[in-house]
Protein backbone atom coordinates (compact mmCIF):
# COMPACT_ATOMS: atom_id res chain seq x y z
CA UNK A 1 69.84 87.16 92.23
CA UNK A 2 71.87 90.24 91.39
CA UNK A 3 75.56 89.78 90.64
CA UNK A 4 77.97 91.34 93.11
CA UNK A 5 79.64 94.28 91.39
CA UNK A 6 83.31 95.10 91.70
CA UNK A 7 84.06 98.06 93.98
CA UNK A 8 84.85 101.30 92.18
CA UNK A 9 88.59 101.68 91.52
CA UNK A 10 90.49 103.91 93.94
CA UNK A 11 93.05 104.97 91.31
CA UNK A 12 92.07 105.60 87.71
CA UNK A 13 93.99 106.63 84.60
CA UNK A 14 93.38 106.79 80.89
CA UNK A 15 93.13 103.23 79.56
CA UNK A 16 96.05 103.73 77.21
CA UNK A 17 98.23 104.79 80.18
CA UNK A 18 97.76 101.58 82.15
CA UNK A 19 98.04 99.46 79.01
CA UNK A 20 100.73 101.29 77.03
CA UNK A 21 102.81 103.37 79.45
CA UNK A 22 102.78 101.39 82.71
CA UNK A 23 105.35 100.74 84.12
CA UNK A 24 107.81 102.38 81.69
CA UNK A 25 106.62 105.99 81.47
CA UNK A 26 104.97 108.52 83.83
CA UNK A 27 101.31 109.47 83.43
CA UNK A 28 98.58 111.34 85.29
CA UNK A 29 96.14 109.55 87.58
CA UNK A 30 93.03 110.37 89.58
CA UNK A 31 92.19 108.86 92.97
CA UNK A 32 89.53 108.77 95.72
CA UNK A 33 91.80 109.13 98.76
CA UNK A 34 91.44 112.88 99.37
CA UNK A 35 89.68 113.39 102.70
CA UNK A 36 90.28 109.84 103.93
CA UNK A 37 90.34 109.79 107.78
CA UNK A 38 93.84 108.26 107.85
CA UNK A 39 95.18 111.10 105.71
CA UNK A 40 94.13 114.11 107.80
CA UNK A 41 96.57 116.21 109.81
CA UNK A 42 95.31 115.04 113.26
CA UNK A 43 95.69 111.38 112.28
CA UNK A 44 99.08 112.01 110.68
CA UNK A 45 100.23 113.73 113.90
CA UNK A 46 99.17 110.60 115.80
CA UNK A 47 101.14 108.45 113.36
CA UNK A 48 104.20 110.69 113.83
CA UNK A 49 103.98 110.04 117.58
CA UNK A 50 103.82 106.27 117.03
CA UNK A 51 106.54 105.72 114.41
CA UNK A 52 110.17 104.88 115.32
CA UNK A 53 112.24 108.04 115.01
CA UNK A 54 114.40 106.66 112.20
CA UNK A 55 111.26 106.39 110.06
CA UNK A 56 110.59 110.14 110.26
CA UNK A 57 112.63 112.64 108.26
CA UNK A 58 112.08 116.38 108.18
CA UNK A 59 113.87 119.64 107.50
CA UNK A 60 113.22 123.13 106.22
CA UNK A 61 111.19 123.34 103.02
CA UNK A 62 113.26 126.36 101.96
CA UNK A 63 115.85 124.43 99.99
CA UNK A 64 117.28 124.54 96.48
CA UNK A 65 116.25 122.17 93.69
CA UNK A 66 119.92 121.13 93.56
CA UNK A 67 120.34 120.97 97.33
CA UNK A 68 123.65 119.97 98.92
CA UNK A 69 122.63 117.26 101.44
CA UNK A 70 125.36 118.44 103.82
CA UNK A 71 123.79 121.90 104.02
CA UNK A 72 120.07 121.18 104.50
CA UNK A 73 118.62 123.61 107.06
CA UNK A 74 116.78 121.98 109.96
CA UNK A 75 113.53 122.79 111.75
CA UNK A 76 113.65 123.11 115.55
CA UNK A 77 110.40 121.29 116.30
CA UNK A 78 109.59 117.72 117.25
CA UNK A 79 107.81 115.60 114.59
CA UNK A 80 104.32 115.93 116.05
CA UNK A 81 104.62 119.72 116.27
CA UNK A 82 105.82 119.88 112.67
CA UNK A 83 102.58 118.24 111.57
CA UNK A 84 100.38 120.33 113.85
CA UNK A 85 102.01 123.58 112.73
CA UNK A 86 102.67 122.66 109.12
CA UNK A 87 100.90 125.72 107.72
CA UNK A 88 103.52 128.01 109.33
CA UNK A 89 106.45 125.68 110.19
CA UNK A 90 108.30 126.19 106.90
CA UNK A 91 108.97 122.45 106.87
CA UNK A 92 109.06 119.37 104.69
CA UNK A 93 108.42 115.97 106.30
CA UNK A 94 108.14 112.33 105.26
CA UNK A 95 106.77 109.52 107.43
CA UNK A 96 108.27 106.29 106.10
CA UNK A 97 107.10 102.68 105.97
CA UNK A 98 103.60 103.54 107.10
CA UNK A 99 102.45 100.11 105.90
CA UNK A 100 103.77 98.79 109.23
CA UNK A 101 100.52 100.15 110.68
CA UNK A 102 97.72 97.65 109.85
CA UNK A 103 95.24 100.44 109.05
CA UNK A 104 97.56 102.10 106.56
CA UNK A 105 98.57 98.76 105.06
CA UNK A 106 94.95 97.95 104.31
CA UNK A 107 94.47 101.34 102.68
CA UNK A 108 97.58 100.95 100.52
CA UNK A 109 96.85 97.37 99.50
CA UNK A 110 93.22 98.10 98.66
CA UNK A 111 94.36 101.01 96.50
CA UNK A 112 96.88 98.91 94.59
CA UNK A 113 94.42 96.06 94.25
CA UNK A 114 92.06 98.39 92.38
CA UNK A 115 94.88 99.07 89.91
CA UNK A 116 95.69 95.37 89.61
CA UNK A 117 92.07 94.58 88.76
CA UNK A 118 91.91 97.43 86.24
CA UNK A 119 94.86 95.77 84.52
CA UNK A 120 93.14 92.35 84.50
CA UNK A 121 94.79 90.74 87.55
CA UNK A 122 93.05 89.20 90.56
CA UNK A 123 95.76 89.74 93.18
CA UNK A 124 98.67 92.02 94.05
CA UNK A 125 101.37 89.35 93.42
CA UNK A 126 99.85 88.46 90.05
CA UNK A 127 100.17 92.14 89.06
CA UNK A 128 103.80 92.29 90.20
CA UNK A 129 103.09 94.45 93.27
CA UNK A 130 105.62 93.12 95.78
CA UNK A 131 107.44 94.64 98.77
CA UNK A 132 104.68 97.25 99.08
CA UNK A 133 105.50 100.33 101.14
CA UNK A 134 103.91 103.68 101.92
CA UNK A 135 105.32 107.15 102.56
CA UNK A 136 103.33 110.16 103.79
CA UNK A 137 104.55 113.66 102.93
CA UNK A 138 103.50 116.80 104.80
CA UNK A 139 104.87 120.10 103.49
CA UNK A 140 104.46 123.75 104.36
CA UNK A 141 103.42 126.29 101.71
CA UNK A 142 106.07 127.15 99.10
CA UNK A 143 108.31 124.21 99.98
CA UNK A 144 110.68 122.34 97.68
CA UNK A 145 111.65 118.69 97.52
CA UNK A 146 115.09 118.68 95.83
CA UNK A 147 115.96 116.85 92.63
CA UNK A 148 116.38 113.13 93.37
CA UNK A 149 115.40 109.64 92.28
CA UNK A 150 113.81 106.70 94.09
CA UNK A 151 114.49 102.98 94.21
CA UNK A 152 110.94 101.79 93.53
CA UNK A 153 107.88 102.37 91.35
CA UNK A 154 105.37 104.79 92.81
CA UNK A 155 101.78 105.95 92.54
CA UNK A 156 102.05 109.45 94.00
CA UNK A 157 98.70 110.82 95.19
CA UNK A 158 97.94 114.40 96.18
CA UNK A 159 95.61 114.51 99.19
CA UNK A 160 95.50 118.22 100.06
CA UNK A 161 96.92 121.39 98.55
CA UNK A 162 98.51 122.35 95.25
CA UNK A 163 101.71 120.69 94.06
CA UNK A 164 103.95 120.77 90.99
CA UNK A 165 105.72 117.47 90.29
CA UNK A 166 108.39 117.48 87.54
CA UNK A 167 109.81 114.18 86.24
CA UNK A 168 112.76 113.49 83.89
CA UNK A 169 113.59 110.49 81.67
CA UNK A 170 115.84 108.00 83.47
CA UNK A 171 117.32 106.79 80.17
CA UNK A 172 118.99 110.18 79.60
CA UNK A 173 122.43 109.83 81.18
CA UNK A 174 123.11 113.53 80.64
CA UNK A 175 120.51 114.11 83.38
CA UNK A 176 121.72 111.40 85.79
CA UNK A 177 124.84 109.37 85.01
CA UNK A 178 125.37 105.78 86.16
CA UNK A 179 127.59 107.11 88.95
CA UNK A 180 124.89 109.64 89.94
CA UNK A 181 122.26 106.91 90.07
CA UNK A 182 124.36 104.65 92.28
CA UNK A 183 125.22 107.52 94.63
CA UNK A 184 121.58 108.64 94.83
CA UNK A 185 120.41 105.15 95.69
CA UNK A 186 123.14 104.23 98.17
CA UNK A 187 124.43 107.44 99.80
CA UNK A 188 121.94 110.31 99.55
CA UNK A 189 119.03 110.60 97.16
CA UNK A 190 119.69 114.21 96.03
CA UNK A 191 121.00 114.79 92.51
CA UNK A 192 122.65 117.82 90.94
CA UNK A 193 120.24 119.92 88.91
CA UNK A 194 120.86 122.59 86.30
CA UNK A 195 118.16 124.93 84.97
CA UNK A 196 119.15 123.93 81.44
CA UNK A 197 117.39 120.61 82.15
CA UNK A 198 114.01 122.27 82.68
CA UNK A 199 112.68 121.90 79.09
CA UNK A 200 113.18 118.12 79.34
CA UNK A 201 110.91 117.74 82.36
CA UNK A 202 107.32 116.47 82.39
CA UNK A 203 105.32 118.60 84.86
CA UNK A 204 102.19 117.38 86.65
CA UNK A 205 100.15 120.18 88.25
CA UNK A 206 98.18 118.50 91.02
CA UNK A 207 95.34 119.31 93.40
CA UNK A 208 93.27 117.14 95.79
CA UNK A 209 92.43 113.91 93.98
CA UNK A 210 95.22 114.18 91.39
CA UNK A 211 98.41 112.18 91.17
CA UNK A 212 100.95 110.62 88.86
CA UNK A 213 102.81 107.39 88.25
CA UNK A 214 106.55 107.74 88.87
CA UNK A 215 108.57 104.94 87.24
CA UNK A 216 111.62 103.37 88.86
CA UNK A 217 114.67 105.66 88.97
CA UNK A 218 113.06 108.55 87.06
CA UNK A 219 114.61 111.75 88.53
CA UNK A 220 112.16 114.35 89.81
CA UNK A 221 111.71 117.41 91.98
CA UNK A 222 108.58 118.80 93.64
CA UNK A 223 107.26 122.10 94.95
CA UNK A 224 104.16 123.14 96.83
CA UNK A 225 102.14 126.31 96.29
CA UNK A 226 100.39 128.65 98.72
CA UNK A 227 98.90 126.18 101.20
CA UNK A 228 100.18 123.19 103.14
CA UNK A 229 100.33 119.92 101.26
CA UNK A 230 99.56 116.31 102.17
CA UNK A 231 100.67 113.62 99.72
CA UNK A 232 101.29 109.89 99.77
CA UNK A 233 103.64 107.68 97.77
CA UNK A 234 102.33 104.13 97.30
CA UNK A 235 105.37 102.14 96.25
CA UNK A 236 106.39 98.62 95.36
CA UNK A 237 109.46 96.73 94.19
CA UNK A 238 109.27 94.00 91.58
CA UNK A 239 111.78 91.13 91.56
CA UNK A 240 113.77 92.88 88.81
CA UNK A 241 113.86 96.13 90.74
CA UNK A 242 115.03 94.40 93.93
CA UNK A 243 117.77 92.71 91.93
CA UNK A 244 119.07 95.97 90.47
CA UNK A 245 118.84 97.72 93.86
CA UNK A 246 120.87 94.99 95.56
CA UNK A 247 123.52 95.19 92.86
CA UNK A 248 123.76 98.96 93.27
CA UNK A 249 124.32 98.55 97.01
CA UNK A 250 126.93 95.81 96.62
CA UNK A 251 128.72 97.76 93.88
CA UNK A 252 128.81 100.80 96.15
CA UNK A 253 130.27 98.77 99.01
CA UNK A 254 132.94 97.25 96.73
CA UNK A 255 133.77 100.66 95.33
CA UNK A 256 134.14 101.96 98.87
CA UNK A 257 136.96 99.48 99.57
CA UNK A 258 138.79 100.26 96.34
CA UNK A 259 137.22 97.95 93.73
CA UNK A 260 135.58 99.93 90.87
CA UNK A 261 132.45 98.31 89.45
CA UNK A 262 130.48 98.41 86.21
CA UNK A 263 126.75 99.30 86.40
CA UNK A 264 124.22 96.48 86.83
CA UNK A 265 123.50 94.73 83.55
CA UNK A 266 127.01 95.05 82.13
CA UNK A 267 128.04 91.47 82.95
CA UNK A 268 125.14 89.10 83.68
CA UNK A 269 127.26 86.24 85.06
CA UNK A 270 129.18 88.52 87.40
CA UNK A 271 125.94 90.19 88.51
CA UNK A 272 124.51 86.77 89.45
CA UNK A 273 127.55 85.89 91.53
CA UNK A 274 127.61 89.26 93.29
CA UNK A 275 123.90 89.06 94.00
CA UNK A 276 124.19 85.63 95.62
CA UNK A 277 127.04 86.75 97.88
CA UNK A 278 125.35 90.03 98.85
CA UNK A 279 122.00 88.45 99.68
CA UNK A 280 123.63 85.76 101.79
CA UNK A 281 125.45 88.43 103.79
CA UNK A 282 122.32 90.55 104.19
CA UNK A 283 120.31 87.55 105.41
CA UNK A 284 122.94 86.93 108.09
CA UNK A 285 122.62 90.42 109.57
CA UNK A 286 118.85 90.81 109.12
CA UNK A 287 118.04 89.83 112.76
CA UNK A 288 120.16 92.74 113.98
CA UNK A 289 117.86 95.25 112.28
CA UNK A 290 115.17 94.85 114.94
CA UNK A 291 117.20 97.26 117.09
CA UNK A 292 117.21 100.96 116.17
CA UNK A 293 120.74 101.29 117.57
CA UNK A 294 121.97 98.49 115.32
CA UNK A 295 120.13 99.94 112.32
CA UNK A 296 122.09 103.13 112.87
CA UNK A 297 125.40 101.26 113.09
CA UNK A 298 124.68 99.16 110.00
CA UNK A 299 123.62 102.21 107.99
CA UNK A 300 126.82 103.99 109.01
CA UNK A 301 128.95 101.04 107.87
CA UNK A 302 127.15 100.57 104.57
CA UNK A 303 126.33 104.15 103.60
CA UNK A 304 128.92 106.38 105.25
CA UNK A 305 129.09 109.00 107.96
CA UNK A 306 125.91 110.85 106.94
CA UNK A 307 123.75 107.74 106.67
CA UNK A 308 121.69 108.72 109.71
CA UNK A 309 121.18 112.33 108.61
CA UNK A 310 117.46 112.20 109.44
CA UNK A 311 118.15 111.71 113.15
CA UNK A 312 118.55 114.91 115.14
CA UNK A 313 121.56 115.03 117.42
CA UNK A 314 120.71 114.92 121.10
């Protein structure tokens, strides 16, 4: 009887990358997701019609690398039309939390499971892949995603088109200070960028089937080339990442009422106490988040007046 062979991995990388660099440094990957039926424009347009509006963000792709979030130009189209007309819309769009769709969740989990097995693990939890989420990006030709950082680890996969993805070391506080990091994570993701930083960036030039690993809190900016682009971020948060994220949010809230805070990791005992209080409070209001109206109110309280910037005014 023939042994059952393992399915071919969906994401691959040089062996030394998964063993030496993951999850501390960025590296190039290859994947088998280009052309997948769930990642075509017609299916993405259907997804845009199904998602809650606060899980869809879009604006003009004609923005600066160091874009002021208060001055981002908008696009006067509804989400479905943005996708359908992406080649000429001059737009940048992200569909968030696509793992809430069972089909997309299976795709994302199967992809990460192939990485887990390549690293010698039999399951996603064993490999540290927790709080798994997916984000689909659709961009017009010659669009820019401004300089920013994210609050999770990320396998970024290029599905269609040409893209330049430039990443910077998160340990270099001359690129993003502790204050910049907290603001980016809790208020608006955009960071200030200066062209003098360019030589310190690591650029990944990607086409269909290419991608890169983006470590937690590594600042980056992205641009497309002469055709529309479809990309997906497959993200997860480990226990340590969730802990640091929660501390950033609680520190920001305390700072907002006049109590300056040290960055996470400065005082372990104080961090533990703050974390316990914050998580208890969050658990108490979690049931309210089932309502979009309440999500908007809670975001406004926690993050400030521009917290719901992705929602168009009626």
